[in-house]
Amino acid sequence: MAIGSNRRGRHGPPRAEVAAALALLRGEASPIVASAPLGPSTRTFANAAVLIRSDEAPPTLLTRLKAIERDFGRRRGRRWGERVIDLDIILWSGGTWRSPTLTIPHTAFQARDFVLRPMAAIAPRWRDPRSARTVRQLHARLTRARAVPNARR
């Protein structure tokens, strides 16, 4: 799972909100990292990943995570806006899942350093069922230096 916050809540600043969510989920947690926001928000995010064990089917787990978000004070608003807490299912030991309300693997996780970097700290060998690449490989591909195209021709 990926966890993010960029707004103060009842637990304190974003980093404290993420730490509170990690404690509640009781899994193997990554370090909390800071990342730049996507979209219209201007506040820096605190992000982490957590590996949890659960017998819940993905829709049941999603329902539980949404209840946690509401309990933390999350309110639905504009896409990519400020939020007290965001809990996303990224990968699942069962492989893929698709329903009208949930897609696993998360559709954009391969392109997000703020998801892959924390995940690589706790589950570097976990494989994306779509590409068969490990989290470590996906992060390396995302962050590797690329040659700058020569503008002169």
C-alpha atoms as a PDB file:
ATOM      1  CA  MET A   1       0.000   0.000   0.000  1.00  0.00           C
ATOM      2  CA  ALA A   2       1.038   3.591  -0.531  1.00  0.00           C
ATOM      3  CA  ILE A   3       0.277   6.286   2.020  1.00  0.00           C
ATOM      4  CA  GLY A   4       0.418  10.034   1.499  1.00  0.00           C
ATOM      5  CA  SER A   5      -0.524  13.264   3.254  1.00  0.00           C
ATOM      6  CA  ASN A   6      -0.004  16.947   2.548  1.00  0.00           C
ATOM      7  CA  ARG A   7      -2.375  18.528   5.048  1.00  0.00           C
ATOM      8  CA  ARG A   8      -2.392  18.807   8.809  1.00  0.00           C
ATOM      9  CA  GLY A   9      -4.938  16.636  10.573  1.00  0.00           C
ATOM     10  CA  ARG A  10      -5.779  15.564  14.098  1.00  0.00           C
ATOM     11  CA  HIS A  11      -2.448  13.721  14.396  1.00  0.00           C
ATOM     12  CA  GLY A  12      -0.448  16.802  13.405  1.00  0.00           C
ATOM     13  CA  PRO A  13       1.494  17.744  10.272  1.00  0.00           C
ATOM     14  CA  PRO A  14       1.534  15.452   7.214  1.00  0.00           C
ATOM     15  CA  ARG A  15       4.477  13.370   8.445  1.00  0.00           C
ATOM     16  CA  ALA A  16       2.591  12.660  11.702  1.00  0.00           C
ATOM     17  CA  GLU A  17      -0.551  11.703   9.755  1.00  0.00           C
ATOM     18  CA  VAL A  18       1.435   9.175   7.717  1.00  0.00           C
ATOM     19  CA  ALA A  19       3.115   7.818  10.863  1.00  0.00           C
ATOM     20  CA  ALA A  20      -0.309   7.397  12.526  1.00  0.00           C
ATOM     21  CA  ALA A  21      -1.646   5.513   9.501  1.00  0.00           C
ATOM     22  CA  LEU A  22       1.428   3.263   9.449  1.00  0.00           C
ATOM     23  CA  ALA A  23       0.936   2.447  13.138  1.00  0.00           C
ATOM     24  CA  LEU A  24      -2.750   1.683  12.572  1.00  0.00           C
ATOM     25  CA  LEU A  25      -2.076  -0.620   9.606  1.00  0.00           C
ATOM     26  CA  ARG A  26       0.581  -2.578  11.560  1.00  0.00           C
ATOM     27  CA  GLY A  27       2.653  -3.813   8.654  1.00  0.00           C
ATOM     28  CA  GLU A  28       6.220  -3.610   7.496  1.00  0.00           C
ATOM     29  CA  ALA A  29       6.670   0.115   6.928  1.00  0.00           C
ATOM     30  CA  SER A  30       9.082   2.062   4.776  1.00  0.00           C
ATOM     31  CA  PRO A  31      10.743   5.282   5.851  1.00  0.00           C
ATOM     32  CA  ILE A  32       8.586   8.377   5.344  1.00  0.00           C
ATOM     33  CA  VAL A  33       9.828  10.503   2.436  1.00  0.00           C
ATOM     34  CA  ALA A  34       8.974  13.990   1.220  1.00  0.00           C
ATOM     35  CA  SER A  35       7.821  14.536  -2.347  1.00  0.00           C
ATOM     36  CA  ALA A  36       6.618  17.324  -4.583  1.00  0.00           C
ATOM     37  CA  PRO A  37       2.859  17.474  -5.217  1.00  0.00           C
ATOM     38  CA  LEU A  38       1.155  16.443  -8.446  1.00  0.00           C
ATOM     39  CA  GLY A  39      -1.540  18.602  -9.981  1.00  0.00           C
ATOM     40  CA  PRO A  40      -2.852  21.832  -8.478  1.00  0.00           C
ATOM     41  CA  SER A  41      -1.732  21.312  -4.874  1.00  0.00           C
ATOM     42  CA  THR A  42       1.257  23.339  -3.698  1.00  0.00           C
ATOM     43  CA  ARG A  43       1.998  21.540  -0.425  1.00  0.00           C
ATOM     44  CA  THR A  44       4.791  18.984  -0.109  1.00  0.00           C
ATOM     45  CA  PHE A  45       3.636  15.423   0.546  1.00  0.00           C
ATOM     46  CA  ALA A  46       4.833  12.969   3.158  1.00  0.00           C
ATOM     47  CA  ASN A  47       4.769   9.494   1.603  1.00  0.00           C
ATOM     48  CA  ALA A  48       5.434   5.944   2.735  1.00  0.00           C
ATOM     49  CA  ALA A  49       4.620   2.367   1.831  1.00  0.00           C
ATOM     50  CA  VAL A  50       3.452  -0.458   4.041  1.00  0.00           C
ATOM     51  CA  LEU A  51       3.306  -4.178   3.407  1.00  0.00           C
ATOM     52  CA  ILE A  52       0.315  -5.641   5.234  1.00  0.00           C
ATOM     53  CA  ARG A  53      -0.999  -9.156   5.582  1.00  0.00           C
ATOM     54  CA  SER A  54      -4.746  -9.538   5.236  1.00  0.00           C
ATOM     55  CA  ASP A  55      -7.212 -12.259   4.310  1.00  0.00           C
ATOM     56  CA  GLU A  56      -9.605  -9.581   3.049  1.00  0.00           C
ATOM     57  CA  ALA A  57     -10.590  -9.555  -0.600  1.00  0.00           C
ATOM     58  CA  PRO A  58      -9.488  -6.320  -2.322  1.00  0.00           C
ATOM     59  CA  PRO A  59     -12.961  -4.680  -2.249  1.00  0.00           C
ATOM     60  CA  THR A  60     -13.280  -5.381   1.473  1.00  0.00           C
ATOM     61  CA  LEU A  61      -9.803  -3.999   2.126  1.00  0.00           C
ATOM     62  CA  LEU A  62     -10.639  -0.915   0.049  1.00  0.00           C
ATOM     63  CA  THR A  63     -13.786  -0.343   2.127  1.00  0.00           C
ATOM     64  CA  ARG A  64     -11.695  -0.549   5.319  1.00  0.00           C
ATOM     65  CA  LEU A  65      -9.104   1.880   3.932  1.00  0.00           C
ATOM     66  CA  LYS A  66     -11.785   4.394   2.917  1.00  0.00           C
ATOM     67  CA  ALA A  67     -13.211   4.212   6.457  1.00  0.00           C
ATOM     68  CA  ILE A  68      -9.733   4.942   7.857  1.00  0.00           C
ATOM     69  CA  GLU A  69      -9.399   7.916   5.495  1.00  0.00           C
ATOM     70  CA  ARG A  70     -12.757   9.294   6.695  1.00  0.00           C
ATOM     71  CA  ASP A  71     -11.745   8.743  10.333  1.00  0.00           C
ATOM     72  CA  PHE A  72      -8.548  10.728   9.702  1.00  0.00           C
ATOM     73  CA  GLY A  73     -10.663  13.585   8.311  1.00  0.00           C
ATOM     74  CA  ARG A  74     -10.309  13.022   4.592  1.00  0.00           C
ATOM     75  CA  ARG A  75     -13.045  14.640   2.559  1.00  0.00           C
ATOM     76  CA  ARG A  76     -13.567  14.119  -1.118  1.00  0.00           C
ATOM     77  CA  GLY A  77     -12.519  17.138  -3.114  1.00  0.00           C
ATOM     78  CA  ARG A  78     -10.775  17.996  -6.281  1.00  0.00           C
ATOM     79  CA  ARG A  79      -8.481  15.479  -7.893  1.00  0.00           C
ATOM     80  CA  TRP A  80      -4.893  15.733  -6.628  1.00  0.00           C
ATOM     81  CA  GLY A  81      -5.915  18.356  -4.097  1.00  0.00           C
ATOM     82  CA  GLU A  82      -4.712  18.626  -0.525  1.00  0.00           C
ATOM     83  CA  ARG A  83      -5.581  15.697   1.721  1.00  0.00           C
ATOM     84  CA  VAL A  84      -5.088  14.641   5.296  1.00  0.00           C
ATOM     85  CA  ILE A  85      -4.444  11.043   4.267  1.00  0.00           C
ATOM     86  CA  ASP A  86      -4.510   8.967   1.100  1.00  0.00           C
ATOM     87  CA  LEU A  87      -4.370   5.167   1.288  1.00  0.00           C
ATOM     88  CA  ASP A  88      -3.933   3.277  -1.993  1.00  0.00           C
ATOM     89  CA  ILE A  89      -3.688  -0.425  -2.724  1.00  0.00           C
ATOM     90  CA  ILE A  90      -0.749  -0.666  -5.131  1.00  0.00           C
ATOM     91  CA  LEU A  91       0.001  -4.382  -5.448  1.00  0.00           C
ATOM     92  CA  TRP A  92      -1.674  -7.509  -4.134  1.00  0.00           C
ATOM     93  CA  SER A  93      -0.318 -11.017  -3.617  1.00  0.00           C
ATOM     94  CA  GLY A  94      -3.202 -12.342  -5.720  1.00  0.00           C
ATOM     95  CA  GLY A  95      -1.882 -10.572  -8.828  1.00  0.00           C
ATOM     96  CA  THR A  96      -4.386  -8.406 -10.659  1.00  0.00           C
ATOM     97  CA  TRP A  97      -7.862  -7.217  -9.717  1.00  0.00           C
ATOM     98  CA  ARG A  98     -10.276  -5.185 -11.774  1.00  0.00           C
ATOM     99  CA  SER A  99     -13.676  -3.853 -10.797  1.00  0.00           C
ATOM    100  CA  PRO A 100     -15.533  -0.572 -11.392  1.00  0.00           C
ATOM    101  CA  THR A 101     -14.084   0.868  -8.156  1.00  0.00           C
ATOM    102  CA  LEU A 102     -10.643  -0.750  -7.920  1.00  0.00           C
ATOM    103  CA  THR A 103      -7.761  -1.672 -10.204  1.00  0.00           C
ATOM    104  CA  ILE A 104      -4.729  -3.585  -8.922  1.00  0.00           C
ATOM    105  CA  PRO A 105      -1.942  -2.972  -9.704  1.00  0.00           C
ATOM    106  CA  HIS A 106      -2.596   0.737  -9.257  1.00  0.00           C
ATOM    107  CA  THR A 107      -2.747   2.204 -12.758  1.00  0.00           C
ATOM    108  CA  ALA A 108      -0.028   4.857 -12.312  1.00  0.00           C
ATOM    109  CA  PHE A 109       2.352   3.411  -9.730  1.00  0.00           C
ATOM    110  CA  GLN A 110       5.137   2.619 -12.222  1.00  0.00           C
ATOM    111  CA  ALA A 111       5.531   6.318 -13.029  1.00  0.00           C
ATOM    112  CA  ARG A 112       5.634   7.620  -9.448  1.00  0.00           C
ATOM    113  CA  ASP A 113       8.894   7.887  -7.546  1.00  0.00           C
ATOM    114  CA  PHE A 114       6.992   8.753  -4.349  1.00  0.00           C
ATOM    115  CA  VAL A 115       5.395   5.288  -4.533  1.00  0.00           C
ATOM    116  CA  LEU A 116       8.282   3.205  -5.885  1.00  0.00           C
ATOM    117  CA  ARG A 117      11.015   4.634  -3.642  1.00  0.00           C
ATOM    118  CA  PRO A 118       9.273   3.708  -0.364  1.00  0.00           C
ATOM    119  CA  MET A 119       8.113   0.379  -1.828  1.00  0.00           C
ATOM    120  CA  ALA A 120      11.660  -0.481  -2.868  1.00  0.00           C
ATOM    121  CA  ALA A 121      12.755  -0.059   0.750  1.00  0.00           C
ATOM    122  CA  ILE A 122      10.431  -2.818   1.999  1.00  0.00           C
ATOM    123  CA  ALA A 123       9.591  -5.013  -1.004  1.00  0.00           C
ATOM    124  CA  PRO A 124      12.290  -4.603  -3.668  1.00  0.00           C
ATOM    125  CA  ARG A 125      11.704  -8.071  -5.179  1.00  0.00           C
ATOM    126  CA  TRP A 126       7.897  -7.821  -5.355  1.00  0.00           C
ATOM    127  CA  ARG A 127       6.884  -8.186  -9.007  1.00  0.00           C
ATOM    128  CA  ASP A 128       4.402  -6.162 -10.980  1.00  0.00           C
ATOM    129  CA  PRO A 129       2.086  -8.814 -12.462  1.00  0.00           C
ATOM    130  CA  ARG A 130       1.665  -6.812 -15.682  1.00  0.00           C
ATOM    131  CA  SER A 131       5.321  -6.243 -16.577  1.00  0.00           C
ATOM    132  CA  ALA A 132       6.946  -8.986 -14.427  1.00  0.00           C
ATOM    133  CA  ARG A 133       9.516  -6.392 -13.328  1.00  0.00           C
ATOM    134  CA  THR A 134      10.447  -6.077  -9.678  1.00  0.00           C
ATOM    135  CA  VAL A 135       9.774  -2.913  -7.716  1.00  0.00           C
ATOM    136  CA  ARG A 136      13.553  -2.338  -7.659  1.00  0.00           C
ATOM    137  CA  GLN A 137      13.710  -2.634 -11.468  1.00  0.00           C
ATOM    138  CA  LEU A 138      10.738  -0.311 -11.942  1.00  0.00           C
ATOM    139  CA  HIS A 139      12.293   2.286  -9.649  1.00  0.00           C
ATOM    140  CA  ALA A 140      15.658   2.033 -11.421  1.00  0.00           C
ATOM    141  CA  ARG A 141      13.993   2.488 -14.813  1.00  0.00           C
ATOM    142  CA  LEU A 142      12.073   5.514 -13.540  1.00  0.00           C
ATOM    143  CA  THR A 143      15.045   7.261 -11.936  1.00  0.00           C
ATOM    144  CA  ARG A 144      17.938   6.375 -14.258  1.00  0.00           C
ATOM    145  CA  ALA A 145      19.763   9.228 -15.912  1.00  0.00           C
ATOM    146  CA  ARG A 146      18.774   9.770 -19.504  1.00  0.00           C
ATOM    147  CA  ALA A 147      20.797  11.429 -22.216  1.00  0.00           C
ATOM    148  CA  VAL A 148      19.658  14.908 -23.157  1.00  0.00           C
ATOM    149  CA  PRO A 149      18.831  15.075 -26.870  1.00  0.00           C
ATOM    150  CA  ASN A 150      21.177  17.227 -28.903  1.00  0.00           C
ATOM    151  CA  ALA A 151      19.257  20.291 -30.086  1.00  0.00           C
ATOM    152  CA  ARG A 152      21.792  21.069 -32.839  1.00  0.00           C
ATOM    153  CA  ARG A 153      21.461  19.277 -36.119  1.00  0.00           C
END
